[in-house]
Amino acid sequence: MSGSGRKASGQEASGPRSVRVREKLTEFFGAQKLEIFDESSRHAHHAPMARGPGENATETHFRLLMVSPAFEGVSRVNRFRKVHEVLQPEFDSGLHALAMVLRTPEEDAACPT
């Protein structure tokens, strides 16, 4: 996990797990902005990836940026915890790592584009 302020870049993920992740986060947090990037190929040396796509080794590493009013008044640690709770079924079924930037709309407005 990473809470770095680095701006999300690249092509957004569109695989089945990323679609489920997007739906869950949008529904639970009412995300105003949600960018999800699949970085699994950058981690191909990890054991789950070495098995190949036939062994559920795809869509294992994501990076996301989410902006939601639900984070107002919530500590950074508790934001991460809540996202992990919502996505626990994905972690149980093969999601291995999730780097996150989680902001309120006010925090996002203060960040350079």
N, C-alpha and C. Protein backbone atom coordinates (compact mmCIF):
# COMPACT_ATOMS: atom_id res chain seq x y z
N MET A 1 0.83 -1.18 0.00
CA MET A 1 0.00 0.00 0.00
C MET A 1 0.87 1.23 0.00
N SER A 2 0.37 2.22 -0.69
CA SER A 2 1.11 3.46 -0.71
C SER A 2 0.13 4.60 -0.66
N GLY A 3 0.44 5.60 0.12
CA GLY A 3 -0.40 6.76 0.17
C GLY A 3 0.27 7.94 -0.49
N SER A 4 1.19 7.67 -1.36
CA SER A 4 1.93 8.75 -1.99
C SER A 4 1.00 9.63 -2.78
N GLY A 5 1.37 10.86 -2.95
CA GLY A 5 0.56 11.80 -3.68
C GLY A 5 0.81 11.76 -5.17
N ARG A 6 1.54 10.80 -5.65
CA ARG A 6 1.88 10.74 -7.07
C ARG A 6 0.60 10.61 -7.88
N LYS A 7 0.56 11.35 -8.94
CA LYS A 7 -0.61 11.37 -9.79
C LYS A 7 -0.71 10.08 -10.58
N ALA A 8 -1.94 9.55 -10.64
CA ALA A 8 -2.18 8.35 -11.43
C ALA A 8 -2.00 8.67 -12.89
N SER A 9 -1.36 7.76 -13.62
CA SER A 9 -1.15 7.98 -15.04
C SER A 9 -1.23 6.65 -15.76
N GLY A 10 -1.29 6.70 -17.08
CA GLY A 10 -1.36 5.49 -17.87
C GLY A 10 -2.79 5.16 -18.21
N GLN A 11 -2.99 3.95 -18.74
CA GLN A 11 -4.31 3.51 -19.16
C GLN A 11 -5.03 2.85 -18.00
N GLU A 12 -6.28 3.21 -17.82
CA GLU A 12 -7.05 2.63 -16.73
C GLU A 12 -7.35 1.16 -17.00
N ALA A 13 -7.41 0.39 -15.92
CA ALA A 13 -7.70 -1.04 -16.00
C ALA A 13 -9.14 -1.27 -16.43
N SER A 14 -9.36 -2.38 -17.15
CA SER A 14 -10.71 -2.68 -17.61
C SER A 14 -11.07 -4.16 -17.50
N GLY A 15 -10.23 -4.94 -16.82
CA GLY A 15 -10.50 -6.37 -16.67
C GLY A 15 -11.63 -6.63 -15.68
N PRO A 16 -12.03 -7.89 -15.55
CA PRO A 16 -13.17 -8.23 -14.69
C PRO A 16 -12.97 -7.84 -13.22
N ARG A 17 -11.77 -8.04 -12.68
CA ARG A 17 -11.56 -7.66 -11.28
C ARG A 17 -11.63 -6.15 -11.12
N SER A 18 -11.02 -5.41 -12.05
CA SER A 18 -11.05 -3.95 -11.93
C SER A 18 -12.49 -3.43 -12.04
N VAL A 19 -13.32 -4.08 -12.84
CA VAL A 19 -14.73 -3.68 -12.93
C VAL A 19 -15.43 -3.91 -11.60
N ARG A 20 -15.17 -5.06 -10.97
CA ARG A 20 -15.78 -5.33 -9.65
C ARG A 20 -15.29 -4.34 -8.61
N VAL A 21 -13.99 -4.05 -8.62
CA VAL A 21 -13.41 -3.10 -7.67
C VAL A 21 -14.06 -1.73 -7.86
N ARG A 22 -14.17 -1.29 -9.11
CA ARG A 22 -14.80 0.00 -9.40
C ARG A 22 -16.23 0.05 -8.88
N GLU A 23 -17.00 -1.00 -9.14
CA GLU A 23 -18.40 -1.04 -8.70
C GLU A 23 -18.50 -0.98 -7.18
N LYS A 24 -17.69 -1.77 -6.49
CA LYS A 24 -17.74 -1.79 -5.03
C LYS A 24 -17.36 -0.45 -4.42
N LEU A 25 -16.27 0.14 -4.93
CA LEU A 25 -15.82 1.42 -4.36
C LEU A 25 -16.78 2.55 -4.68
N THR A 26 -17.32 2.56 -5.88
CA THR A 26 -18.28 3.60 -6.25
C THR A 26 -19.53 3.49 -5.39
N GLU A 27 -20.03 2.28 -5.23
CA GLU A 27 -21.24 2.07 -4.44
C GLU A 27 -21.03 2.43 -2.97
N PHE A 28 -19.94 1.94 -2.38
CA PHE A 28 -19.73 2.12 -0.96
C PHE A 28 -19.33 3.55 -0.60
N PHE A 29 -18.43 4.14 -1.39
CA PHE A 29 -17.87 5.44 -1.03
C PHE A 29 -18.50 6.61 -1.79
N GLY A 30 -19.31 6.35 -2.79
CA GLY A 30 -19.86 7.44 -3.59
C GLY A 30 -18.74 8.25 -4.22
N ALA A 31 -17.75 7.56 -4.78
CA ALA A 31 -16.56 8.21 -5.32
C ALA A 31 -16.91 9.24 -6.38
N GLN A 32 -16.35 10.43 -6.24
CA GLN A 32 -16.51 11.49 -7.24
C GLN A 32 -15.47 11.32 -8.35
N LYS A 33 -14.35 10.72 -8.01
CA LYS A 33 -13.28 10.43 -8.97
C LYS A 33 -12.71 9.09 -8.57
N LEU A 34 -12.53 8.22 -9.56
CA LEU A 34 -11.95 6.92 -9.29
C LEU A 34 -11.15 6.47 -10.51
N GLU A 35 -9.85 6.38 -10.33
CA GLU A 35 -8.95 5.92 -11.39
C GLU A 35 -8.27 4.65 -10.89
N ILE A 36 -8.37 3.59 -11.68
CA ILE A 36 -7.82 2.29 -11.30
C ILE A 36 -6.86 1.83 -12.39
N PHE A 37 -5.66 1.47 -11.99
CA PHE A 37 -4.63 1.04 -12.93
C PHE A 37 -4.12 -0.33 -12.54
N ASP A 38 -4.06 -1.24 -13.50
CA ASP A 38 -3.56 -2.59 -13.28
C ASP A 38 -2.05 -2.59 -13.51
N GLU A 39 -1.31 -2.83 -12.44
CA GLU A 39 0.15 -2.85 -12.52
C GLU A 39 0.70 -4.27 -12.36
N SER A 40 -0.15 -5.26 -12.60
CA SER A 40 0.24 -6.66 -12.42
C SER A 40 1.46 -7.03 -13.24
N SER A 41 1.55 -6.55 -14.46
CA SER A 41 2.67 -6.92 -15.32
C SER A 41 4.00 -6.43 -14.77
N ARG A 42 3.97 -5.39 -13.97
CA ARG A 42 5.20 -4.87 -13.36
C ARG A 42 5.68 -5.76 -12.22
N HIS A 43 4.84 -6.73 -11.84
CA HIS A 43 5.16 -7.61 -10.71
C HIS A 43 5.18 -9.07 -11.15
N ALA A 44 5.50 -9.30 -12.40
CA ALA A 44 5.48 -10.65 -12.97
C ALA A 44 6.44 -11.61 -12.27
N HIS A 45 7.42 -11.07 -11.57
CA HIS A 45 8.39 -11.91 -10.86
C HIS A 45 7.83 -12.49 -9.57
N HIS A 46 6.69 -11.99 -9.11
CA HIS A 46 6.08 -12.51 -7.89
C HIS A 46 5.52 -13.90 -8.14
N ALA A 47 5.48 -14.73 -7.13
CA ALA A 47 5.03 -16.12 -7.26
C ALA A 47 3.65 -16.24 -7.89
N PRO A 48 2.63 -15.44 -7.48
CA PRO A 48 1.31 -15.62 -8.09
C PRO A 48 1.34 -15.37 -9.59
N MET A 49 2.16 -14.43 -10.05
CA MET A 49 2.21 -14.13 -11.48
C MET A 49 2.95 -15.22 -12.24
N ALA A 50 3.87 -15.91 -11.61
CA ALA A 50 4.67 -16.91 -12.30
C ALA A 50 3.82 -18.09 -12.76
N ARG A 51 2.66 -18.27 -12.16
CA ARG A 51 1.79 -19.39 -12.53
C ARG A 51 1.12 -19.15 -13.88
N GLY A 52 0.97 -17.90 -14.27
CA GLY A 52 0.34 -17.60 -15.56
C GLY A 52 -1.14 -17.29 -15.43
N PRO A 53 -1.73 -16.71 -16.48
CA PRO A 53 -3.11 -16.25 -16.42
C PRO A 53 -4.12 -17.36 -16.18
N GLY A 54 -3.80 -18.59 -16.57
CA GLY A 54 -4.72 -19.69 -16.34
C GLY A 54 -4.88 -20.05 -14.88
N GLU A 55 -4.02 -19.55 -14.05
CA GLU A 55 -4.04 -19.86 -12.62
C GLU A 55 -4.50 -18.65 -11.79
N ASN A 56 -5.35 -17.83 -12.37
CA ASN A 56 -5.85 -16.63 -11.67
C ASN A 56 -4.73 -15.70 -11.25
N ALA A 57 -3.71 -15.57 -12.08
CA ALA A 57 -2.55 -14.75 -11.75
C ALA A 57 -2.62 -13.38 -12.39
N THR A 58 -3.72 -13.05 -13.02
CA THR A 58 -3.86 -11.72 -13.61
C THR A 58 -4.60 -10.81 -12.64
N GLU A 59 -4.51 -9.52 -12.86
CA GLU A 59 -5.17 -8.51 -12.02
C GLU A 59 -4.88 -8.73 -10.54
N THR A 60 -3.61 -8.80 -10.21
CA THR A 60 -3.19 -9.03 -8.83
C THR A 60 -2.68 -7.77 -8.14
N HIS A 61 -2.25 -6.76 -8.92
CA HIS A 61 -1.67 -5.54 -8.37
C HIS A 61 -2.34 -4.33 -9.00
N PHE A 62 -2.98 -3.52 -8.18
CA PHE A 62 -3.64 -2.31 -8.66
C PHE A 62 -3.10 -1.08 -7.96
N ARG A 63 -3.24 0.03 -8.65
CA ARG A 63 -2.97 1.36 -8.08
C ARG A 63 -4.24 2.16 -8.34
N LEU A 64 -4.68 2.90 -7.34
CA LEU A 64 -5.89 3.68 -7.54
C LEU A 64 -5.81 5.05 -6.89
N LEU A 65 -6.59 5.94 -7.47
CA LEU A 65 -6.82 7.27 -6.92
C LEU A 65 -8.33 7.39 -6.75
N MET A 66 -8.77 7.67 -5.52
CA MET A 66 -10.20 7.82 -5.27
C MET A 66 -10.43 9.10 -4.48
N VAL A 67 -11.42 9.86 -4.94
CA VAL A 67 -11.83 11.09 -4.27
C VAL A 67 -13.27 10.88 -3.83
N SER A 68 -13.51 11.05 -2.53
CA SER A 68 -14.85 10.83 -2.01
C SER A 68 -15.12 11.71 -0.79
N PRO A 69 -16.34 12.26 -0.70
CA PRO A 69 -16.70 13.00 0.50
C PRO A 69 -16.78 12.09 1.73
N ALA A 70 -16.86 10.79 1.52
CA ALA A 70 -16.92 9.85 2.64
C ALA A 70 -15.64 9.87 3.47
N PHE A 71 -14.55 10.43 2.93
CA PHE A 71 -13.28 10.48 3.65
C PHE A 71 -13.17 11.71 4.55
N GLU A 72 -14.12 12.62 4.48
CA GLU A 72 -14.05 13.83 5.30
C GLU A 72 -14.09 13.46 6.78
N GLY A 73 -13.11 13.95 7.52
CA GLY A 73 -13.02 13.69 8.95
C GLY A 73 -12.50 12.31 9.30
N VAL A 74 -12.06 11.54 8.30
CA VAL A 74 -11.56 10.18 8.52
C VAL A 74 -10.04 10.19 8.37
N SER A 75 -9.34 9.61 9.33
CA SER A 75 -7.88 9.58 9.26
C SER A 75 -7.41 8.78 8.05
N ARG A 76 -6.20 9.06 7.64
CA ARG A 76 -5.61 8.35 6.50
C ARG A 76 -5.61 6.84 6.73
N VAL A 77 -5.22 6.41 7.91
CA VAL A 77 -5.17 4.99 8.24
C VAL A 77 -6.56 4.37 8.14
N ASN A 78 -7.56 5.04 8.68
CA ASN A 78 -8.92 4.49 8.64
C ASN A 78 -9.50 4.48 7.23
N ARG A 79 -9.08 5.40 6.37
CA ARG A 79 -9.49 5.35 4.97
C ARG A 79 -8.98 4.06 4.33
N PHE A 80 -7.69 3.76 4.55
CA PHE A 80 -7.09 2.54 4.00
C PHE A 80 -7.79 1.31 4.55
N ARG A 81 -8.05 1.30 5.84
CA ARG A 81 -8.71 0.15 6.46
C ARG A 81 -10.08 -0.10 5.85
N LYS A 82 -10.84 0.97 5.66
CA LYS A 82 -12.19 0.82 5.13
C LYS A 82 -12.16 0.30 3.70
N VAL A 83 -11.26 0.79 2.88
CA VAL A 83 -11.14 0.29 1.51
C VAL A 83 -10.78 -1.20 1.53
N HIS A 84 -9.88 -1.58 2.40
CA HIS A 84 -9.50 -3.00 2.50
C HIS A 84 -10.69 -3.85 2.94
N GLU A 85 -11.51 -3.35 3.87
CA GLU A 85 -12.70 -4.08 4.30
C GLU A 85 -13.66 -4.30 3.13
N VAL A 86 -13.90 -3.24 2.36
CA VAL A 86 -14.82 -3.32 1.23
C VAL A 86 -14.31 -4.30 0.18
N LEU A 87 -12.99 -4.34 -0.02
CA LEU A 87 -12.40 -5.18 -1.06
C LEU A 87 -11.88 -6.52 -0.54
N GLN A 88 -12.19 -6.89 0.69
CA GLN A 88 -11.69 -8.14 1.26
C GLN A 88 -11.99 -9.36 0.37
N PRO A 89 -13.18 -9.46 -0.22
CA PRO A 89 -13.42 -10.61 -1.11
C PRO A 89 -12.46 -10.67 -2.29
N GLU A 90 -12.03 -9.52 -2.78
CA GLU A 90 -11.06 -9.50 -3.88
C GLU A 90 -9.68 -9.96 -3.40
N PHE A 91 -9.29 -9.54 -2.20
CA PHE A 91 -8.02 -10.00 -1.63
C PHE A 91 -8.08 -11.51 -1.39
N ASP A 92 -9.22 -11.99 -0.95
CA ASP A 92 -9.38 -13.43 -0.69
C ASP A 92 -9.31 -14.25 -1.98
N SER A 93 -9.60 -13.61 -3.11
CA SER A 93 -9.64 -14.36 -4.38
C SER A 93 -8.49 -14.02 -5.32
N GLY A 94 -7.42 -13.39 -4.81
CA GLY A 94 -6.24 -13.23 -5.65
C GLY A 94 -5.67 -11.83 -5.78
N LEU A 95 -6.40 -10.80 -5.36
CA LEU A 95 -5.81 -9.46 -5.36
C LEU A 95 -4.69 -9.47 -4.33
N HIS A 96 -3.51 -9.08 -4.74
CA HIS A 96 -2.34 -9.20 -3.88
C HIS A 96 -1.90 -7.87 -3.29
N ALA A 97 -1.97 -6.80 -4.09
CA ALA A 97 -1.47 -5.50 -3.62
C ALA A 97 -2.33 -4.37 -4.18
N LEU A 98 -2.50 -3.35 -3.36
CA LEU A 98 -3.31 -2.20 -3.74
C LEU A 98 -2.64 -0.94 -3.23
N ALA A 99 -2.08 -0.15 -4.14
CA ALA A 99 -1.49 1.14 -3.79
C ALA A 99 -2.60 2.18 -3.93
N MET A 100 -2.78 3.00 -2.92
CA MET A 100 -3.93 3.91 -2.91
C MET A 100 -3.56 5.35 -2.59
N VAL A 101 -4.22 6.26 -3.29
CA VAL A 101 -4.26 7.67 -2.93
C VAL A 101 -5.74 7.94 -2.68
N LEU A 102 -6.08 8.32 -1.45
CA LEU A 102 -7.47 8.51 -1.05
C LEU A 102 -7.64 9.93 -0.54
N ARG A 103 -8.50 10.70 -1.19
CA ARG A 103 -8.64 12.12 -0.86
C ARG A 103 -10.10 12.52 -0.72
N THR A 104 -10.30 13.57 0.06
CA THR A 104 -11.60 14.25 0.08
C THR A 104 -11.65 15.17 -1.14
N PRO A 105 -12.82 15.64 -1.53
CA PRO A 105 -12.87 16.60 -2.65
C PRO A 105 -12.04 17.86 -2.38
N GLU A 106 -12.04 18.33 -1.15
CA GLU A 106 -11.23 19.52 -0.80
C GLU A 106 -9.74 19.24 -0.94
N GLU A 107 -9.30 18.08 -0.48
CA GLU A 107 -7.88 17.71 -0.62
C GLU A 107 -7.51 17.59 -2.08
N ASP A 108 -8.40 17.02 -2.89
CA ASP A 108 -8.11 16.84 -4.31
C ASP A 108 -8.01 18.19 -5.01
N ALA A 109 -8.89 19.12 -4.65
CA ALA A 109 -8.88 20.46 -5.26
C ALA A 109 -7.57 21.19 -4.95
N ALA A 110 -6.97 20.88 -3.80
CA ALA A 110 -5.73 21.54 -3.40
C ALA A 110 -4.49 20.92 -4.05
N CYS A 111 -4.64 19.76 -4.68
CA CYS A 111 -3.51 19.08 -5.31
C CYS A 111 -3.30 19.61 -6.72
N PRO A 112 -2.03 19.81 -7.10
CA PRO A 112 -1.77 20.26 -8.47
C PRO A 112 -2.18 19.18 -9.47
N THR A 113 -2.62 19.60 -10.59
CA THR A 113 -3.10 18.66 -11.63
C THR A 113 -1.98 18.01 -12.36
